[in-house]
């Protein structure tokens, strides 16, 4: 069963900023990676530890750059919290 999803307003802004500068990344996230997460959110991303223990992180790489989609799962809804390059995504998730 595929889950529904929502973007926090800040995560939507993250995606918009990435979209303006990197169309292949946007396409990869929307067409491939989000559907993969929605099909099996507990298998797609790895659980984090410490102050981010409530979220999961999905790793992807586009043109040699590592990106993370940080999300949490509640019931049948996947909430995307932060999207961005590796360290930036984790910093944003901690603040949100």
N, C-alpha and C. Protein backbone atom coordinates (compact mmCIF):
# COMPACT_ATOMS: atom_id res chain seq x y z
N UNK A 1 0.83 -1.18 0.00
CA UNK A 1 0.00 0.00 0.00
C UNK A 1 0.88 1.25 0.00
N UNK A 2 0.62 2.14 -0.90
CA UNK A 2 1.37 3.40 -0.95
C UNK A 2 0.79 4.37 0.08
N UNK A 3 1.66 5.10 0.71
CA UNK A 3 1.26 6.08 1.69
C UNK A 3 0.96 7.42 1.02
N UNK A 4 0.23 8.26 1.71
CA UNK A 4 0.05 9.64 1.26
C UNK A 4 1.25 10.43 1.76
N UNK A 5 1.44 11.63 1.21
CA UNK A 5 2.56 12.43 1.69
C UNK A 5 2.19 13.90 1.77
N UNK A 6 2.92 14.60 2.63
CA UNK A 6 2.80 16.04 2.77
C UNK A 6 4.21 16.60 2.90
N UNK A 7 4.36 17.85 2.52
CA UNK A 7 5.61 18.57 2.71
C UNK A 7 5.38 19.63 3.76
N UNK A 8 6.26 19.72 4.75
CA UNK A 8 6.24 20.90 5.60
C UNK A 8 6.50 22.09 4.69
N UNK A 9 6.00 23.23 5.05
CA UNK A 9 6.19 24.41 4.21
C UNK A 9 7.69 24.65 3.95
N UNK A 10 8.50 24.48 4.98
CA UNK A 10 9.94 24.70 4.84
C UNK A 10 10.56 23.67 3.89
N UNK A 11 10.09 22.42 3.92
CA UNK A 11 10.61 21.39 3.01
C UNK A 11 10.21 21.70 1.57
N UNK A 12 9.01 22.24 1.38
CA UNK A 12 8.59 22.63 0.03
C UNK A 12 9.49 23.75 -0.49
N UNK A 13 9.89 24.66 0.38
CA UNK A 13 10.82 25.72 -0.02
C UNK A 13 12.18 25.13 -0.38
N UNK A 14 12.62 24.12 0.40
CA UNK A 14 13.89 23.44 0.07
C UNK A 14 13.82 22.88 -1.34
N UNK A 15 12.73 22.20 -1.65
CA UNK A 15 12.57 21.58 -2.97
C UNK A 15 12.53 22.64 -4.06
N UNK A 16 11.84 23.74 -3.81
CA UNK A 16 11.76 24.82 -4.79
C UNK A 16 13.15 25.40 -5.08
N UNK A 17 13.95 25.61 -4.03
CA UNK A 17 15.30 26.14 -4.22
C UNK A 17 16.15 25.19 -5.06
N UNK A 18 16.03 23.90 -4.79
CA UNK A 18 16.78 22.92 -5.57
C UNK A 18 16.31 22.89 -7.02
N UNK A 19 14.99 23.03 -7.21
CA UNK A 19 14.39 22.97 -8.54
C UNK A 19 14.91 24.10 -9.43
N UNK A 20 15.09 25.27 -8.86
CA UNK A 20 15.54 26.41 -9.67
C UNK A 20 16.92 26.20 -10.27
N UNK A 21 17.75 25.45 -9.58
CA UNK A 21 19.14 25.32 -10.01
C UNK A 21 19.51 23.95 -10.57
N UNK A 22 18.62 22.96 -10.40
CA UNK A 22 19.01 21.61 -10.78
C UNK A 22 17.79 20.80 -11.22
N UNK A 23 17.39 20.95 -12.46
CA UNK A 23 16.22 20.25 -12.99
C UNK A 23 16.37 18.72 -12.94
N UNK A 24 17.55 18.15 -13.26
CA UNK A 24 17.68 16.69 -13.16
C UNK A 24 17.45 16.17 -11.73
N UNK A 25 17.88 16.93 -10.74
CA UNK A 25 17.65 16.53 -9.35
C UNK A 25 16.16 16.55 -9.03
N UNK A 26 15.48 17.59 -9.44
CA UNK A 26 14.03 17.68 -9.21
C UNK A 26 13.33 16.49 -9.85
N UNK A 27 13.67 16.20 -11.08
CA UNK A 27 13.04 15.07 -11.78
C UNK A 27 13.29 13.77 -11.04
N UNK A 28 14.53 13.56 -10.61
CA UNK A 28 14.87 12.33 -9.90
C UNK A 28 14.09 12.21 -8.59
N UNK A 29 13.98 13.30 -7.86
CA UNK A 29 13.25 13.27 -6.58
C UNK A 29 11.78 12.98 -6.80
N UNK A 30 11.15 13.71 -7.71
CA UNK A 30 9.70 13.59 -7.90
C UNK A 30 9.31 12.30 -8.62
N UNK A 31 10.05 11.91 -9.64
CA UNK A 31 9.66 10.75 -10.45
C UNK A 31 10.13 9.42 -9.89
N UNK A 32 11.22 9.41 -9.15
CA UNK A 32 11.79 8.15 -8.70
C UNK A 32 11.81 7.99 -7.19
N UNK A 33 12.39 8.93 -6.50
CA UNK A 33 12.68 8.75 -5.08
C UNK A 33 11.46 8.91 -4.16
N UNK A 34 10.62 9.89 -4.39
CA UNK A 34 9.42 10.02 -3.55
C UNK A 34 8.52 8.80 -3.72
N UNK A 35 8.24 8.32 -4.95
CA UNK A 35 7.43 7.10 -5.08
C UNK A 35 8.05 5.88 -4.39
N UNK A 36 9.37 5.78 -4.42
CA UNK A 36 10.04 4.67 -3.73
C UNK A 36 9.80 4.75 -2.23
N UNK A 37 9.91 5.93 -1.68
CA UNK A 37 9.66 6.12 -0.24
C UNK A 37 8.22 5.79 0.09
N UNK A 38 7.28 6.24 -0.72
CA UNK A 38 5.87 6.04 -0.43
C UNK A 38 5.46 4.58 -0.49
N UNK A 39 6.12 3.79 -1.30
CA UNK A 39 5.79 2.36 -1.39
C UNK A 39 6.20 1.61 -0.12
N UNK A 40 7.33 1.96 0.46
CA UNK A 40 7.82 1.26 1.65
C UNK A 40 8.66 2.22 2.49
N UNK A 41 8.02 3.14 3.21
CA UNK A 41 8.77 4.17 3.92
C UNK A 41 9.70 3.64 5.01
N UNK A 42 9.38 2.49 5.59
CA UNK A 42 10.24 1.96 6.64
C UNK A 42 11.45 1.21 6.08
N UNK A 43 11.38 0.81 4.83
CA UNK A 43 12.50 0.13 4.19
C UNK A 43 13.36 1.09 3.38
N UNK A 44 12.76 2.15 2.85
CA UNK A 44 13.47 3.07 1.96
C UNK A 44 14.52 3.89 2.68
N UNK A 45 14.17 4.43 3.83
CA UNK A 45 15.10 5.29 4.55
C UNK A 45 15.56 4.65 5.83
N UNK A 46 16.72 5.07 6.28
CA UNK A 46 17.25 4.49 7.51
C UNK A 46 16.87 5.37 8.70
N UNK A 47 16.56 4.74 9.84
CA UNK A 47 16.22 5.52 11.03
C UNK A 47 17.46 6.24 11.55
N UNK A 48 17.28 7.44 12.02
CA UNK A 48 18.40 8.21 12.56
C UNK A 48 18.46 8.02 14.08
N UNK A 49 19.53 8.48 14.66
CA UNK A 49 19.74 8.33 16.10
C UNK A 49 19.92 9.70 16.74
N UNK A 50 19.94 9.72 18.05
CA UNK A 50 20.19 10.95 18.78
C UNK A 50 19.04 11.93 18.67
N UNK A 51 19.37 13.20 18.41
CA UNK A 51 18.34 14.23 18.36
C UNK A 51 17.44 14.13 17.12
N UNK A 52 17.78 13.25 16.19
CA UNK A 52 16.93 13.03 15.01
C UNK A 52 16.31 11.63 15.02
N UNK A 53 16.16 11.06 16.20
CA UNK A 53 15.65 9.69 16.32
C UNK A 53 14.21 9.54 15.83
N UNK A 54 13.48 10.62 15.71
CA UNK A 54 12.08 10.56 15.27
C UNK A 54 11.92 10.58 13.75
N UNK A 55 13.03 10.69 13.01
CA UNK A 55 12.93 10.78 11.54
C UNK A 55 13.72 9.67 10.86
N UNK A 56 13.50 9.58 9.56
CA UNK A 56 14.24 8.64 8.71
C UNK A 56 14.89 9.48 7.61
N UNK A 57 15.99 8.97 7.06
CA UNK A 57 16.70 9.68 6.00
C UNK A 57 16.86 8.76 4.79
N UNK A 58 16.47 9.28 3.66
CA UNK A 58 16.61 8.56 2.39
C UNK A 58 17.78 9.18 1.65
N UNK A 59 18.73 8.36 1.26
CA UNK A 59 19.94 8.83 0.59
C UNK A 59 19.80 8.71 -0.92
N UNK A 60 20.24 9.75 -1.61
CA UNK A 60 20.31 9.67 -3.07
C UNK A 60 21.51 10.45 -3.54
N UNK A 61 21.94 10.14 -4.73
CA UNK A 61 23.12 10.78 -5.30
C UNK A 61 22.78 11.16 -6.74
N UNK A 62 23.01 12.43 -7.07
CA UNK A 62 22.79 12.92 -8.42
C UNK A 62 24.04 13.69 -8.84
N UNK A 63 24.61 13.27 -9.95
CA UNK A 63 25.83 13.89 -10.49
C UNK A 63 26.93 13.99 -9.44
N UNK A 64 27.08 12.93 -8.65
CA UNK A 64 28.16 12.86 -7.67
C UNK A 64 27.93 13.61 -6.37
N UNK A 65 26.77 14.22 -6.20
CA UNK A 65 26.47 14.96 -4.98
C UNK A 65 25.47 14.16 -4.15
N UNK A 66 25.76 14.00 -2.86
CA UNK A 66 24.87 13.26 -1.97
C UNK A 66 23.78 14.19 -1.44
N UNK A 67 22.53 13.75 -1.56
CA UNK A 67 21.38 14.48 -1.06
C UNK A 67 20.63 13.60 -0.08
N UNK A 68 19.84 14.21 0.79
CA UNK A 68 19.01 13.49 1.75
C UNK A 68 17.60 14.03 1.72
N UNK A 69 16.65 13.11 1.80
CA UNK A 69 15.26 13.46 2.02
C UNK A 69 14.96 13.01 3.45
N UNK A 70 14.68 13.94 4.32
CA UNK A 70 14.42 13.65 5.73
C UNK A 70 12.91 13.64 5.91
N UNK A 71 12.38 12.56 6.48
CA UNK A 71 10.94 12.43 6.63
C UNK A 71 10.59 11.66 7.89
N UNK A 72 9.31 11.76 8.26
CA UNK A 72 8.79 10.94 9.35
C UNK A 72 7.49 10.31 8.88
N UNK A 73 7.16 9.19 9.49
CA UNK A 73 5.97 8.44 9.10
C UNK A 73 5.03 8.37 10.29
N UNK A 74 3.79 8.79 10.07
CA UNK A 74 2.75 8.68 11.10
C UNK A 74 1.51 8.12 10.44
N UNK A 75 1.13 6.92 10.86
CA UNK A 75 -0.02 6.26 10.23
C UNK A 75 0.28 6.03 8.76
N UNK A 76 -0.61 6.49 7.90
CA UNK A 76 -0.43 6.32 6.47
C UNK A 76 0.11 7.55 5.78
N UNK A 77 0.72 8.46 6.55
CA UNK A 77 1.20 9.72 5.97
C UNK A 77 2.71 9.87 6.18
N UNK A 78 3.39 10.17 5.09
CA UNK A 78 4.82 10.47 5.13
C UNK A 78 4.94 11.99 5.07
N UNK A 79 5.58 12.57 6.08
CA UNK A 79 5.79 14.03 6.12
C UNK A 79 7.25 14.33 5.83
N UNK A 80 7.49 15.04 4.74
CA UNK A 80 8.86 15.43 4.39
C UNK A 80 9.21 16.68 5.18
N UNK A 81 10.35 16.60 5.87
CA UNK A 81 10.76 17.66 6.80
C UNK A 81 11.85 18.54 6.19
N UNK A 82 12.80 17.92 5.51
CA UNK A 82 13.91 18.67 4.92
C UNK A 82 14.44 17.92 3.71
N UNK A 83 14.91 18.69 2.73
CA UNK A 83 15.49 18.12 1.52
C UNK A 83 16.71 18.96 1.17
N UNK A 84 17.82 18.29 0.89
CA UNK A 84 19.00 19.06 0.51
C UNK A 84 20.26 18.23 0.51
N UNK A 85 21.38 18.90 0.28
CA UNK A 85 22.66 18.21 0.37
C UNK A 85 22.83 17.61 1.76
N UNK A 86 23.64 16.60 1.87
CA UNK A 86 23.78 15.78 3.07
C UNK A 86 23.76 16.58 4.38
N UNK A 87 24.77 17.36 4.66
CA UNK A 87 24.87 18.06 5.94
C UNK A 87 23.80 19.13 6.10
N UNK A 88 23.48 19.82 5.03
CA UNK A 88 22.47 20.87 5.08
C UNK A 88 21.10 20.31 5.45
N UNK A 89 20.74 19.17 4.89
CA UNK A 89 19.44 18.56 5.19
C UNK A 89 19.34 18.20 6.67
N UNK A 90 20.39 17.64 7.23
CA UNK A 90 20.36 17.28 8.65
C UNK A 90 20.28 18.52 9.54
N UNK A 91 21.00 19.58 9.20
CA UNK A 91 20.94 20.82 9.97
C UNK A 91 19.52 21.39 9.95
N UNK A 92 18.92 21.42 8.78
CA UNK A 92 17.56 21.94 8.65
C UNK A 92 16.57 21.09 9.45
N UNK A 93 16.72 19.78 9.38
CA UNK A 93 15.81 18.88 10.11
C UNK A 93 15.90 19.11 11.60
N UNK A 94 17.09 19.36 12.11
CA UNK A 94 17.25 19.62 13.55
C UNK A 94 16.50 20.88 13.98
N UNK A 95 16.48 21.88 13.12
CA UNK A 95 15.81 23.13 13.46
C UNK A 95 14.29 23.06 13.34
N UNK A 96 13.79 22.08 12.59
CA UNK A 96 12.35 22.03 12.31
C UNK A 96 11.64 21.15 13.25
